[in-house]
Amino acid sequence: MMSQKKNQQEQRQLPVVKNEDVEFAAEIADENDFEAAERAQAADYRQEEQ
């Protein structure tokens, strides 16, 4: 019985959402901020391609 419930949970897909509640200010950003923004954009792209 438990394995059936676990199987059902694994088959459900989580909703895809984007969190864009952080404001990016290029004039005060440092190298790490730009790198993080690039990684976030690449991750968003990979998620949209699925």
PDB file of N, CA and C in Angstrom:
ATOM      1  N   MET A   1       0.826  -1.191   0.000  1.00  0.00           N
ATOM      2  CA  MET A   1       0.000   0.000   0.000  1.00  0.00           C
ATOM      3  C   MET A   1       0.876   1.263   0.000  1.00  0.00           C
ATOM      4  N   MET A   2       1.917   1.293   0.799  1.00  0.00           N
ATOM      5  CA  MET A   2       2.780   2.470   0.859  1.00  0.00           C
ATOM      6  C   MET A   2       3.531   2.669  -0.454  1.00  0.00           C
ATOM      7  N   SER A   3       3.938   1.585  -1.095  1.00  0.00           N
ATOM      8  CA  SER A   3       4.677   1.734  -2.339  1.00  0.00           C
ATOM      9  C   SER A   3       3.785   2.313  -3.436  1.00  0.00           C
ATOM     10  N   GLN A   4       2.503   1.996  -3.435  1.00  0.00           N
ATOM     11  CA  GLN A   4       1.583   2.555  -4.423  1.00  0.00           C
ATOM     12  C   GLN A   4       1.448   4.063  -4.222  1.00  0.00           C
ATOM     13  N   LYS A   5       1.333   4.481  -2.981  1.00  0.00           N
ATOM     14  CA  LYS A   5       1.213   5.918  -2.688  1.00  0.00           C
ATOM     15  C   LYS A   5       2.496   6.645  -3.093  1.00  0.00           C
ATOM     16  N   LYS A   6       3.638   6.051  -2.792  1.00  0.00           N
ATOM     17  CA  LYS A   6       4.913   6.658  -3.155  1.00  0.00           C
ATOM     18  C   LYS A   6       5.040   6.756  -4.672  1.00  0.00           C
ATOM     19  N   ASN A   7       4.612   5.725  -5.376  1.00  0.00           N
ATOM     20  CA  ASN A   7       4.658   5.720  -6.828  1.00  0.00           C
ATOM     21  C   ASN A   7       3.788   6.836  -7.398  1.00  0.00           C
ATOM     22  N   GLN A   8       2.606   7.048  -6.840  1.00  0.00           N
ATOM     23  CA  GLN A   8       1.712   8.104  -7.302  1.00  0.00           C
ATOM     24  C   GLN A   8       2.346   9.476  -7.080  1.00  0.00           C
ATOM     25  N   GLN A   9       3.009   9.645  -5.942  1.00  0.00           N
ATOM     26  CA  GLN A   9       3.651  10.921  -5.647  1.00  0.00           C
ATOM     27  C   GLN A   9       4.796  11.199  -6.614  1.00  0.00           C
ATOM     28  N   GLU A  10       5.537  10.166  -6.977  1.00  0.00           N
ATOM     29  CA  GLU A  10       6.661  10.339  -7.886  1.00  0.00           C
ATOM     30  C   GLU A  10       6.187  10.675  -9.299  1.00  0.00           C
ATOM     31  N   GLN A  11       5.015  10.227  -9.670  1.00  0.00           N
ATOM     32  CA  GLN A  11       4.504  10.470 -11.013  1.00  0.00           C
ATOM     33  C   GLN A  11       3.958  11.882 -11.171  1.00  0.00           C
ATOM     34  N   ARG A  12       3.595  12.531 -10.089  1.00  0.00           N
ATOM     35  CA  ARG A  12       3.100  13.908 -10.171  1.00  0.00           C
ATOM     36  C   ARG A  12       4.251  14.843 -10.495  1.00  0.00           C
ATOM     37  N   GLN A  13       3.958  15.807 -11.320  1.00  0.00           N
ATOM     38  CA  GLN A  13       4.972  16.804 -11.638  1.00  0.00           C
ATOM     39  C   GLN A  13       4.680  18.078 -10.858  1.00  0.00           C
ATOM     40  N   LEU A  14       5.728  18.677 -10.353  1.00  0.00           N
ATOM     41  CA  LEU A  14       5.577  19.935  -9.637  1.00  0.00           C
ATOM     42  C   LEU A  14       5.341  21.065 -10.627  1.00  0.00           C
ATOM     43  N   PRO A  15       4.607  22.077 -10.220  1.00  0.00           N
ATOM     44  CA  PRO A  15       4.391  23.211 -11.124  1.00  0.00           C
ATOM     45  C   PRO A  15       5.700  23.957 -11.369  1.00  0.00           C
ATOM     46  N   VAL A  16       5.832  24.506 -12.548  1.00  0.00           N
ATOM     47  CA  VAL A  16       7.017  25.277 -12.904  1.00  0.00           C
ATOM     48  C   VAL A  16       6.707  26.737 -12.627  1.00  0.00           C
ATOM     49  N   VAL A  17       7.533  27.349 -11.806  1.00  0.00           N
ATOM     50  CA  VAL A  17       7.341  28.760 -11.476  1.00  0.00           C
ATOM     51  C   VAL A  17       8.667  29.488 -11.607  1.00  0.00           C
ATOM     52  N   LYS A  18       8.561  30.782 -11.749  1.00  0.00           N
ATOM     53  CA  LYS A  18       9.741  31.635 -11.797  1.00  0.00           C
ATOM     54  C   LYS A  18       9.635  32.626 -10.645  1.00  0.00           C
ATOM     55  N   ASN A  19      10.702  32.734  -9.894  1.00  0.00           N
ATOM     56  CA  ASN A  19      10.750  33.733  -8.831  1.00  0.00           C
ATOM     57  C   ASN A  19      11.536  34.927  -9.347  1.00  0.00           C
ATOM     58  N   GLU A  20      10.837  35.999  -9.579  1.00  0.00           N
ATOM     59  CA  GLU A  20      11.481  37.202 -10.097  1.00  0.00           C
ATOM     60  C   GLU A  20      11.234  38.381  -9.163  1.00  0.00           C
ATOM     61  N   ASP A  21      11.288  38.124  -7.872  1.00  0.00           N
ATOM     62  CA  ASP A  21      10.998  39.171  -6.904  1.00  0.00           C
ATOM     63  C   ASP A  21      12.241  39.923  -6.445  1.00  0.00           C
ATOM     64  N   VAL A  22      13.390  39.637  -7.044  1.00  0.00           N
ATOM     65  CA  VAL A  22      14.628  40.306  -6.667  1.00  0.00           C
ATOM     66  C   VAL A  22      14.993  41.299  -7.757  1.00  0.00           C
ATOM     67  N   GLU A  23      15.200  42.516  -7.342  1.00  0.00           N
ATOM     68  CA  GLU A  23      15.574  43.553  -8.304  1.00  0.00           C
ATOM     69  C   GLU A  23      17.080  43.526  -8.515  1.00  0.00           C
ATOM     70  N   PHE A  24      17.491  43.547  -9.760  1.00  0.00           N
ATOM     71  CA  PHE A  24      18.910  43.530 -10.102  1.00  0.00           C
ATOM     72  C   PHE A  24      19.317  44.926 -10.526  1.00  0.00           C
ATOM     73  N   ALA A  25      20.264  45.489  -9.819  1.00  0.00           N
ATOM     74  CA  ALA A  25      20.750  46.834 -10.134  1.00  0.00           C
ATOM     75  C   ALA A  25      22.188  46.724 -10.638  1.00  0.00           C
ATOM     76  N   ALA A  26      22.365  46.829 -11.932  1.00  0.00           N
ATOM     77  CA  ALA A  26      23.686  46.660 -12.541  1.00  0.00           C
ATOM     78  C   ALA A  26      24.709  47.670 -12.022  1.00  0.00           C
ATOM     79  N   GLU A  27      24.242  48.863 -11.681  1.00  0.00           N
ATOM     80  CA  GLU A  27      25.195  49.890 -11.234  1.00  0.00           C
ATOM     81  C   GLU A  27      25.837  49.582  -9.879  1.00  0.00           C
ATOM     82  N   ILE A  28      25.217  48.724  -9.079  1.00  0.00           N
ATOM     83  CA  ILE A  28      25.811  48.362  -7.783  1.00  0.00           C
ATOM     84  C   ILE A  28      26.193  46.885  -7.706  1.00  0.00           C
ATOM     85  N   ALA A  29      26.042  46.158  -8.810  1.00  0.00           N
ATOM     86  CA  ALA A  29      26.357  44.733  -8.841  1.00  0.00           C
ATOM     87  C   ALA A  29      27.859  44.515  -8.972  1.00  0.00           C
ATOM     88  N   ASP A  30      28.323  43.424  -8.357  1.00  0.00           N
ATOM     89  CA  ASP A  30      29.725  43.056  -8.523  1.00  0.00           C
ATOM     90  C   ASP A  30      29.814  41.823  -9.428  1.00  0.00           C
ATOM     91  N   GLU A  31      31.014  41.308  -9.600  1.00  0.00           N
ATOM     92  CA  GLU A  31      31.233  40.165 -10.498  1.00  0.00           C
ATOM     93  C   GLU A  31      30.398  38.953 -10.086  1.00  0.00           C
ATOM     94  N   ASN A  32      30.293  38.702  -8.793  1.00  0.00           N
ATOM     95  CA  ASN A  32      29.498  37.568  -8.310  1.00  0.00           C
ATOM     96  C   ASN A  32      28.017  37.725  -8.650  1.00  0.00           C
ATOM     97  N   ASP A  33      27.517  38.954  -8.577  1.00  0.00           N
ATOM     98  CA  ASP A  33      26.115  39.208  -8.920  1.00  0.00           C
ATOM     99  C   ASP A  33      25.845  38.926 -10.400  1.00  0.00           C
ATOM    100  N   PHE A  34      26.766  39.357 -11.259  1.00  0.00           N
ATOM    101  CA  PHE A  34      26.596  39.107 -12.691  1.00  0.00           C
ATOM    102  C   PHE A  34      26.665  37.610 -12.994  1.00  0.00           C
ATOM    103  N   GLU A  35      27.581  36.913 -12.331  1.00  0.00           N
ATOM    104  CA  GLU A  35      27.696  35.465 -12.528  1.00  0.00           C
ATOM    105  C   GLU A  35      26.421  34.751 -12.058  1.00  0.00           C
ATOM    106  N   ALA A  36      25.890  35.163 -10.932  1.00  0.00           N
ATOM    107  CA  ALA A  36      24.658  34.560 -10.417  1.00  0.00           C
ATOM    108  C   ALA A  36      23.487  34.829 -11.355  1.00  0.00           C
ATOM    109  N   ALA A  37      23.420  36.012 -11.912  1.00  0.00           N
ATOM    110  CA  ALA A  37      22.344  36.346 -12.845  1.00  0.00           C
ATOM    111  C   ALA A  37      22.428  35.483 -14.104  1.00  0.00           C
ATOM    112  N   GLU A  38      23.642  35.244 -14.586  1.00  0.00           N
ATOM    113  CA  GLU A  38      23.825  34.384 -15.759  1.00  0.00           C
ATOM    114  C   GLU A  38      23.402  32.945 -15.448  1.00  0.00           C
ATOM    115  N   ARG A  39      23.789  32.452 -14.264  1.00  0.00           N
ATOM    116  CA  ARG A  39      23.394  31.083 -13.875  1.00  0.00           C
ATOM    117  C   ARG A  39      21.884  30.966 -13.742  1.00  0.00           C
ATOM    118  N   ALA A  40      21.252  31.978 -13.182  1.00  0.00           N
ATOM    119  CA  ALA A  40      19.796  31.955 -13.023  1.00  0.00           C
ATOM    120  C   ALA A  40      19.107  31.952 -14.383  1.00  0.00           C
ATOM    121  N   GLN A  41      19.603  32.756 -15.290  1.00  0.00           N
ATOM    122  CA  GLN A  41      19.018  32.810 -16.631  1.00  0.00           C
ATOM    123  C   GLN A  41      19.189  31.467 -17.351  1.00  0.00           C
ATOM    124  N   ALA A  42      20.349  30.855 -17.213  1.00  0.00           N
ATOM    125  CA  ALA A  42      20.587  29.552 -17.837  1.00  0.00           C
ATOM    126  C   ALA A  42      19.670  28.487 -17.224  1.00  0.00           C
ATOM    127  N   ALA A  43      19.466  28.540 -15.921  1.00  0.00           N
ATOM    128  CA  ALA A  43      18.576  27.578 -15.259  1.00  0.00           C
ATOM    129  C   ALA A  43      17.136  27.766 -15.725  1.00  0.00           C
ATOM    130  N   ASP A  44      16.702  29.010 -15.854  1.00  0.00           N
ATOM    131  CA  ASP A  44      15.350  29.280 -16.360  1.00  0.00           C
ATOM    132  C   ASP A  44      15.191  28.714 -17.770  1.00  0.00           C
ATOM    133  N   TYR A  45      16.202  28.904 -18.603  1.00  0.00           N
ATOM    134  CA  TYR A  45      16.150  28.410 -19.973  1.00  0.00           C
ATOM    135  C   TYR A  45      16.035  26.878 -19.986  1.00  0.00           C
ATOM    136  N   ARG A  46      16.840  26.207 -19.158  1.00  0.00           N
ATOM    137  CA  ARG A  46      16.788  24.740 -19.110  1.00  0.00           C
ATOM    138  C   ARG A  46      15.418  24.256 -18.661  1.00  0.00           C
ATOM    139  N   GLN A  47      14.820  24.932 -17.726  1.00  0.00           N
ATOM    140  CA  GLN A  47      13.504  24.532 -17.234  1.00  0.00           C
ATOM    141  C   GLN A  47      12.427  24.742 -18.294  1.00  0.00           C
ATOM    142  N   GLU A  48      12.522  25.805 -19.053  1.00  0.00           N
ATOM    143  CA  GLU A  48      11.540  26.080 -20.085  1.00  0.00           C
ATOM    144  C   GLU A  48      11.634  25.093 -21.243  1.00  0.00           C
ATOM    145  N   GLU A  49      12.827  24.525 -21.460  1.00  0.00           N
ATOM    146  CA  GLU A  49      13.034  23.583 -22.554  1.00  0.00           C
ATOM    147  C   GLU A  49      12.454  22.207 -22.253  1.00  0.00           C
ATOM    148  N   GLN A  50      12.145  21.911 -21.026  1.00  0.00           N
ATOM    149  CA  GLN A  50      11.633  20.572 -20.666  1.00  0.00           C
ATOM    150  C   GLN A  50      10.180  20.437 -20.973  1.00  0.00           C
TER     151      GLN A  50
END
